[in-house]
Amino acid sequence: MNLVMVTGGIRSGKTDYSERYLLENGSSPFFYLPTALPGDPLWESRISLHQEKRESRFMTLEIEPAALLKTADTGEILKEHVLHSLTVGGSLLLDSLGLFVAACLGETDAVWQGTADELLARLRQRPQLTVLVAEEVGMALVPGTREGRLFTDRLGEIRQAVAALAGEVIFILSGLPLVLKSESR
């Protein structure tokens, strides 16, 4: 396993840092696995910015738009897409854990635990460099709703589990990296 978690608040520079890290430390092919789903004009503009800035060496693993039209449960489609994509051979950037958790908020606690366990198992099985972007809870907007609290709890718990698995954990603040954990790779 060769796992690095890059964490930080909203707009801290996590993705830019993660892309550079993967290209400098991984080996070709380089895969980019986004977890943002189209549909919201604000998200679509942010998705476009990320796509424009992304280095051409990345192959993006996107969900086919036709797949999203087949069901109302886009969260389930995203979950299956992410879990399947973790089996690709090559260096992989998963951006982001928060959006993955948000897509699974409709799951019961038991189903979510199975999802989290499967995600962790697939991360453990990857021998190639995997960089996972994860938002820090409390450094992002969290509404005062049941769903907001559920999101905070689930993201916080899975982020801690990923950090425990990762050989390296890097916190990004104002675009600057702070290494929180570093084991020799």
C-alpha atoms as a PDB file:
ATOM      1  CA  MET A   1       0.000   0.000   0.000  1.00  0.00           C
ATOM      2  CA  ASN A   2       1.221   3.431  -0.930  1.00  0.00           C
ATOM      3  CA  LEU A   3      -1.394   5.869   0.430  1.00  0.00           C
ATOM      4  CA  VAL A   4      -1.074   9.610   1.050  1.00  0.00           C
ATOM      5  CA  MET A   5      -3.895  11.715   2.500  1.00  0.00           C
ATOM      6  CA  VAL A   6      -3.909  15.442   1.784  1.00  0.00           C
ATOM      7  CA  THR A   7      -6.295  17.335   4.016  1.00  0.00           C
ATOM      8  CA  GLY A   8      -7.259  20.932   4.737  1.00  0.00           C
ATOM      9  CA  GLY A   9     -10.110  23.410   4.630  1.00  0.00           C
ATOM     10  CA  ILE A  10     -12.119  24.714   1.705  1.00  0.00           C
ATOM     11  CA  ARG A  11      -9.984  26.362  -1.001  1.00  0.00           C
ATOM     12  CA  SER A  12      -6.764  25.687   0.926  1.00  0.00           C
ATOM     13  CA  GLY A  13      -4.898  24.344  -2.113  1.00  0.00           C
ATOM     14  CA  LYS A  14      -5.417  20.613  -1.449  1.00  0.00           C
ATOM     15  CA  THR A  15      -6.099  19.649  -5.045  1.00  0.00           C
ATOM     16  CA  ASP A  16      -3.252  21.645  -6.608  1.00  0.00           C
ATOM     17  CA  TYR A  17      -0.802  20.210  -4.082  1.00  0.00           C
ATOM     18  CA  SER A  18      -2.154  16.668  -4.563  1.00  0.00           C
ATOM     19  CA  GLU A  19      -1.846  16.842  -8.345  1.00  0.00           C
ATOM     20  CA  ARG A  20       1.783  17.992  -8.129  1.00  0.00           C
ATOM     21  CA  TYR A  21       2.560  15.393  -5.465  1.00  0.00           C
ATOM     22  CA  LEU A  22       1.168  12.524  -7.549  1.00  0.00           C
ATOM     23  CA  LEU A  23       2.964  13.601 -10.728  1.00  0.00           C
ATOM     24  CA  GLU A  24       6.279  14.027  -8.877  1.00  0.00           C
ATOM     25  CA  ASN A  25       6.103  10.836  -6.792  1.00  0.00           C
ATOM     26  CA  GLY A  26       3.935   8.423  -8.748  1.00  0.00           C
ATOM     27  CA  SER A  27       4.457   6.565 -11.966  1.00  0.00           C
ATOM     28  CA  SER A  28       2.520   6.590 -15.216  1.00  0.00           C
ATOM     29  CA  PRO A  29      -0.302   6.124 -15.943  1.00  0.00           C
ATOM     30  CA  PHE A  30      -1.763   8.906 -13.788  1.00  0.00           C
ATOM     31  CA  PHE A  31      -5.481   8.732 -13.020  1.00  0.00           C
ATOM     32  CA  TYR A  32      -7.691  11.502 -11.630  1.00  0.00           C
ATOM     33  CA  LEU A  33     -10.870  10.296  -9.902  1.00  0.00           C
ATOM     34  CA  PRO A  34     -13.241  13.206  -9.232  1.00  0.00           C
ATOM     35  CA  THR A  35     -16.217  12.742  -6.933  1.00  0.00           C
ATOM     36  CA  ALA A  36     -18.103  15.918  -7.870  1.00  0.00           C
ATOM     37  CA  LEU A  37     -21.309  15.279  -9.767  1.00  0.00           C
ATOM     38  CA  PRO A  38     -22.606  17.714 -12.378  1.00  0.00           C
ATOM     39  CA  GLY A  39     -25.982  19.366 -11.949  1.00  0.00           C
ATOM     40  CA  ASP A  40     -25.352  22.428  -9.810  1.00  0.00           C
ATOM     41  CA  PRO A  41     -24.171  25.474 -11.836  1.00  0.00           C
ATOM     42  CA  LEU A  42     -21.746  26.540  -9.081  1.00  0.00           C
ATOM     43  CA  TRP A  43     -20.214  23.050  -8.926  1.00  0.00           C
ATOM     44  CA  GLU A  44     -20.074  22.852 -12.705  1.00  0.00           C
ATOM     45  CA  SER A  45     -18.057  26.077 -12.861  1.00  0.00           C
ATOM     46  CA  ARG A  46     -15.650  24.728 -10.203  1.00  0.00           C
ATOM     47  CA  ILE A  47     -15.425  21.401 -12.057  1.00  0.00           C
ATOM     48  CA  SER A  48     -14.581  23.299 -15.260  1.00  0.00           C
ATOM     49  CA  LEU A  49     -11.835  25.268 -13.491  1.00  0.00           C
ATOM     50  CA  HIS A  50     -10.300  22.059 -12.164  1.00  0.00           C
ATOM     51  CA  GLN A  51     -10.455  20.460 -15.622  1.00  0.00           C
ATOM     52  CA  GLU A  52      -8.815  23.479 -17.291  1.00  0.00           C
ATOM     53  CA  LYS A  53      -5.974  23.571 -14.748  1.00  0.00           C
ATOM     54  CA  ARG A  54      -5.391  19.806 -14.716  1.00  0.00           C
ATOM     55  CA  GLU A  55      -2.120  18.573 -16.183  1.00  0.00           C
ATOM     56  CA  SER A  56      -2.594  16.723 -19.485  1.00  0.00           C
ATOM     57  CA  ARG A  57      -0.835  13.603 -18.153  1.00  0.00           C
ATOM     58  CA  PHE A  58      -3.927  12.799 -16.066  1.00  0.00           C
ATOM     59  CA  MET A  59      -6.551  10.415 -17.404  1.00  0.00           C
ATOM     60  CA  THR A  60      -9.836  11.400 -15.768  1.00  0.00           C
ATOM     61  CA  LEU A  61     -12.101   8.597 -14.582  1.00  0.00           C
ATOM     62  CA  GLU A  62     -15.508  10.219 -14.964  1.00  0.00           C
ATOM     63  CA  ILE A  63     -18.976   8.758 -14.709  1.00  0.00           C
ATOM     64  CA  GLU A  64     -20.669   8.521 -18.067  1.00  0.00           C
ATOM     65  CA  PRO A  65     -23.508  11.096 -18.195  1.00  0.00           C
ATOM     66  CA  ALA A  66     -25.856   8.406 -19.555  1.00  0.00           C
ATOM     67  CA  ALA A  67     -25.373   6.370 -16.364  1.00  0.00           C
ATOM     68  CA  LEU A  68     -26.589   9.301 -14.272  1.00  0.00           C
ATOM     69  CA  LEU A  69     -29.778   9.554 -16.330  1.00  0.00           C
ATOM     70  CA  LYS A  70     -30.729   5.916 -15.667  1.00  0.00           C
ATOM     71  CA  THR A  71     -31.539   6.384 -11.987  1.00  0.00           C
ATOM     72  CA  ALA A  72     -32.418   9.024  -9.440  1.00  0.00           C
ATOM     73  CA  ASP A  73     -29.809   7.579  -7.047  1.00  0.00           C
ATOM     74  CA  THR A  74     -26.708   9.368  -8.285  1.00  0.00           C
ATOM     75  CA  GLY A  75     -25.049   8.706  -4.915  1.00  0.00           C
ATOM     76  CA  GLU A  76     -25.147   4.954  -5.494  1.00  0.00           C
ATOM     77  CA  ILE A  77     -23.710   5.383  -9.007  1.00  0.00           C
ATOM     78  CA  LEU A  78     -20.892   7.577  -7.664  1.00  0.00           C
ATOM     79  CA  LYS A  79     -20.143   5.109  -4.856  1.00  0.00           C
ATOM     80  CA  GLU A  80     -19.901   2.154  -7.249  1.00  0.00           C
ATOM     81  CA  HIS A  81     -17.808   4.216  -9.690  1.00  0.00           C
ATOM     82  CA  VAL A  82     -15.322   5.230  -6.978  1.00  0.00           C
ATOM     83  CA  LEU A  83     -15.012   1.726  -5.526  1.00  0.00           C
ATOM     84  CA  HIS A  84     -14.531   0.205  -8.979  1.00  0.00           C
ATOM     85  CA  SER A  85     -12.032   2.892 -10.029  1.00  0.00           C
ATOM     86  CA  LEU A  86      -9.816   2.076  -7.037  1.00  0.00           C
ATOM     87  CA  THR A  87      -8.886  -1.126  -8.904  1.00  0.00           C
ATOM     88  CA  VAL A  88      -7.133   0.657 -11.812  1.00  0.00           C
ATOM     89  CA  GLY A  89      -3.438   0.062 -12.264  1.00  0.00           C
ATOM     90  CA  GLY A  90      -1.413   3.235 -12.000  1.00  0.00           C
ATOM     91  CA  SER A  91      -1.053   6.265  -9.765  1.00  0.00           C
ATOM     92  CA  LEU A  92      -4.420   7.609  -8.629  1.00  0.00           C
ATOM     93  CA  LEU A  93      -5.700  10.893  -7.201  1.00  0.00           C
ATOM     94  CA  LEU A  94      -9.123  10.640  -5.507  1.00  0.00           C
ATOM     95  CA  ASP A  95     -10.631  14.139  -5.137  1.00  0.00           C
ATOM     96  CA  SER A  96     -12.457  14.207  -2.702  1.00  0.00           C
ATOM     97  CA  LEU A  97     -13.471  12.112   0.282  1.00  0.00           C
ATOM     98  CA  GLY A  98     -16.012  14.715   1.446  1.00  0.00           C
ATOM     99  CA  LEU A  99     -18.021  14.527  -1.754  1.00  0.00           C
ATOM    100  CA  PHE A 100     -17.912  10.720  -1.594  1.00  0.00           C
ATOM    101  CA  VAL A 101     -19.298  10.824   1.962  1.00  0.00           C
ATOM    102  CA  ALA A 102     -21.967  13.349   0.912  1.00  0.00           C
ATOM    103  CA  ALA A 103     -23.078  11.010  -1.887  1.00  0.00           C
ATOM    104  CA  CYS A 104     -23.585   8.235   0.672  1.00  0.00           C
ATOM    105  CA  LEU A 105     -25.555  10.229   3.263  1.00  0.00           C
ATOM    106  CA  GLY A 106     -28.788   8.422   2.378  1.00  0.00           C
ATOM    107  CA  GLU A 107     -27.320   5.102   3.512  1.00  0.00           C
ATOM    108  CA  THR A 108     -28.315   3.632   6.845  1.00  0.00           C
ATOM    109  CA  ASP A 109     -25.560   3.414   9.458  1.00  0.00           C
ATOM    110  CA  ALA A 110     -25.095  -0.308   8.748  1.00  0.00           C
ATOM    111  CA  VAL A 111     -24.867   0.188   4.977  1.00  0.00           C
ATOM    112  CA  TRP A 112     -22.514   3.154   5.445  1.00  0.00           C
ATOM    113  CA  GLN A 113     -20.239   1.047   7.669  1.00  0.00           C
ATOM    114  CA  GLY A 114     -20.058  -1.544   4.880  1.00  0.00           C
ATOM    115  CA  THR A 115     -19.276   1.200   2.349  1.00  0.00           C
ATOM    116  CA  ALA A 116     -16.548   2.661   4.565  1.00  0.00           C
ATOM    117  CA  ASP A 117     -15.049  -0.791   5.199  1.00  0.00           C
ATOM    118  CA  GLU A 118     -15.007  -1.542   1.470  1.00  0.00           C
ATOM    119  CA  LEU A 119     -13.373   1.800   0.659  1.00  0.00           C
ATOM    120  CA  LEU A 120     -10.654   1.185   3.266  1.00  0.00           C
ATOM    121  CA  ALA A 121     -10.111  -2.395   2.031  1.00  0.00           C
ATOM    122  CA  ARG A 122      -9.696  -1.221  -1.574  1.00  0.00           C
ATOM    123  CA  LEU A 123      -7.273   1.499  -0.495  1.00  0.00           C
ATOM    124  CA  ARG A 124      -5.270  -1.139   1.429  1.00  0.00           C
ATOM    125  CA  GLN A 125      -5.111  -3.363  -1.673  1.00  0.00           C
ATOM    126  CA  ARG A 126      -3.674  -0.691  -3.990  1.00  0.00           C
ATOM    127  CA  PRO A 127       0.088  -1.133  -4.434  1.00  0.00           C
ATOM    128  CA  GLN A 128       0.406   1.998  -6.594  1.00  0.00           C
ATOM    129  CA  LEU A 129       0.595   5.523  -5.211  1.00  0.00           C
ATOM    130  CA  THR A 130      -2.840   6.760  -4.188  1.00  0.00           C
ATOM    131  CA  VAL A 131      -3.339  10.362  -3.092  1.00  0.00           C
ATOM    132  CA  LEU A 132      -6.671  10.988  -1.390  1.00  0.00           C
ATOM    133  CA  VAL A 133      -7.957  14.543  -0.862  1.00  0.00           C
ATOM    134  CA  ALA A 134     -10.051  14.954   2.302  1.00  0.00           C
ATOM    135  CA  GLU A 135     -11.731  18.037   3.708  1.00  0.00           C
ATOM    136  CA  GLU A 136     -11.253  18.850   7.363  1.00  0.00           C
ATOM    137  CA  VAL A 137     -14.489  18.807   9.334  1.00  0.00           C
ATOM    138  CA  GLY A 138     -15.050  22.138  11.049  1.00  0.00           C
ATOM    139  CA  MET A 139     -12.951  23.928   8.434  1.00  0.00           C
ATOM    140  CA  ALA A 140     -15.763  23.678   5.930  1.00  0.00           C
ATOM    141  CA  LEU A 141     -19.348  24.877   6.030  1.00  0.00           C
ATOM    142  CA  VAL A 142     -21.583  22.380   7.807  1.00  0.00           C
ATOM    143  CA  PRO A 143     -25.265  23.210   8.116  1.00  0.00           C
ATOM    144  CA  GLY A 144     -27.008  22.790  11.445  1.00  0.00           C
ATOM    145  CA  THR A 145     -29.236  20.025  10.116  1.00  0.00           C
ATOM    146  CA  ARG A 146     -29.442  16.296  10.762  1.00  0.00           C
ATOM    147  CA  GLU A 147     -27.752  15.671   7.397  1.00  0.00           C
ATOM    148  CA  GLY A 148     -25.041  18.202   8.233  1.00  0.00           C
ATOM    149  CA  ARG A 149     -24.277  16.496  11.532  1.00  0.00           C
ATOM    150  CA  LEU A 150     -24.336  13.068   9.868  1.00  0.00           C
ATOM    151  CA  PHE A 151     -21.918  14.348   7.212  1.00  0.00           C
ATOM    152  CA  THR A 152     -19.591  15.754   9.895  1.00  0.00           C
ATOM    153  CA  ASP A 153     -19.629  12.504  11.879  1.00  0.00           C
ATOM    154  CA  ARG A 154     -19.104  10.215   8.901  1.00  0.00           C
ATOM    155  CA  LEU A 155     -16.415  12.328   7.241  1.00  0.00           C
ATOM    156  CA  GLY A 156     -14.564  12.762  10.525  1.00  0.00           C
ATOM    157  CA  GLU A 157     -14.607   9.031  11.246  1.00  0.00           C
ATOM    158  CA  ILE A 158     -13.562   7.861   7.767  1.00  0.00           C
ATOM    159  CA  ARG A 159     -10.897  10.569   7.547  1.00  0.00           C
ATOM    160  CA  GLN A 160      -9.347   9.296  10.780  1.00  0.00           C
ATOM    161  CA  ALA A 161      -9.415   5.713   9.461  1.00  0.00           C
ATOM    162  CA  VAL A 162      -7.747   6.768   6.190  1.00  0.00           C
ATOM    163  CA  ALA A 163      -5.123   8.770   8.107  1.00  0.00           C
ATOM    164  CA  ALA A 164      -4.339   5.693  10.204  1.00  0.00           C
ATOM    165  CA  LEU A 165      -3.827   3.643   7.005  1.00  0.00           C
ATOM    166  CA  ALA A 166      -1.851   6.291   5.157  1.00  0.00           C
ATOM    167  CA  GLY A 167       1.915   6.320   5.162  1.00  0.00           C
ATOM    168  CA  GLU A 168       1.829  10.064   4.812  1.00  0.00           C
ATOM    169  CA  VAL A 169      -0.695  12.700   5.909  1.00  0.00           C
ATOM    170  CA  ILE A 170      -0.230  16.280   4.732  1.00  0.00           C
ATOM    171  CA  PHE A 171      -2.263  19.248   5.958  1.00  0.00           C
ATOM    172  CA  ILE A 172      -2.597  22.176   3.554  1.00  0.00           C
ATOM    173  CA  LEU A 173      -3.078  25.659   4.953  1.00  0.00           C
ATOM    174  CA  SER A 174      -3.109  28.666   2.612  1.00  0.00           C
ATOM    175  CA  GLY A 175      -1.466  26.541  -0.071  1.00  0.00           C
ATOM    176  CA  LEU A 176       1.396  25.483   2.207  1.00  0.00           C
ATOM    177  CA  PRO A 177       1.984  21.846   3.204  1.00  0.00           C
ATOM    178  CA  LEU A 178       2.485  20.744   6.779  1.00  0.00           C
ATOM    179  CA  VAL A 179       3.477  17.072   7.092  1.00  0.00           C
ATOM    180  CA  LEU A 180       1.517  15.512   9.945  1.00  0.00           C
ATOM    181  CA  LYS A 181       2.668  11.929   9.388  1.00  0.00           C
ATOM    182  CA  SER A 182       5.485  10.530   7.293  1.00  0.00           C
ATOM    183  CA  GLU A 183       6.574   6.898   7.053  1.00  0.00           C
ATOM    184  CA  SER A 184       9.278   5.942   4.577  1.00  0.00           C
ATOM    185  CA  ARG A 185       7.757   4.602   1.388  1.00  0.00           C
END
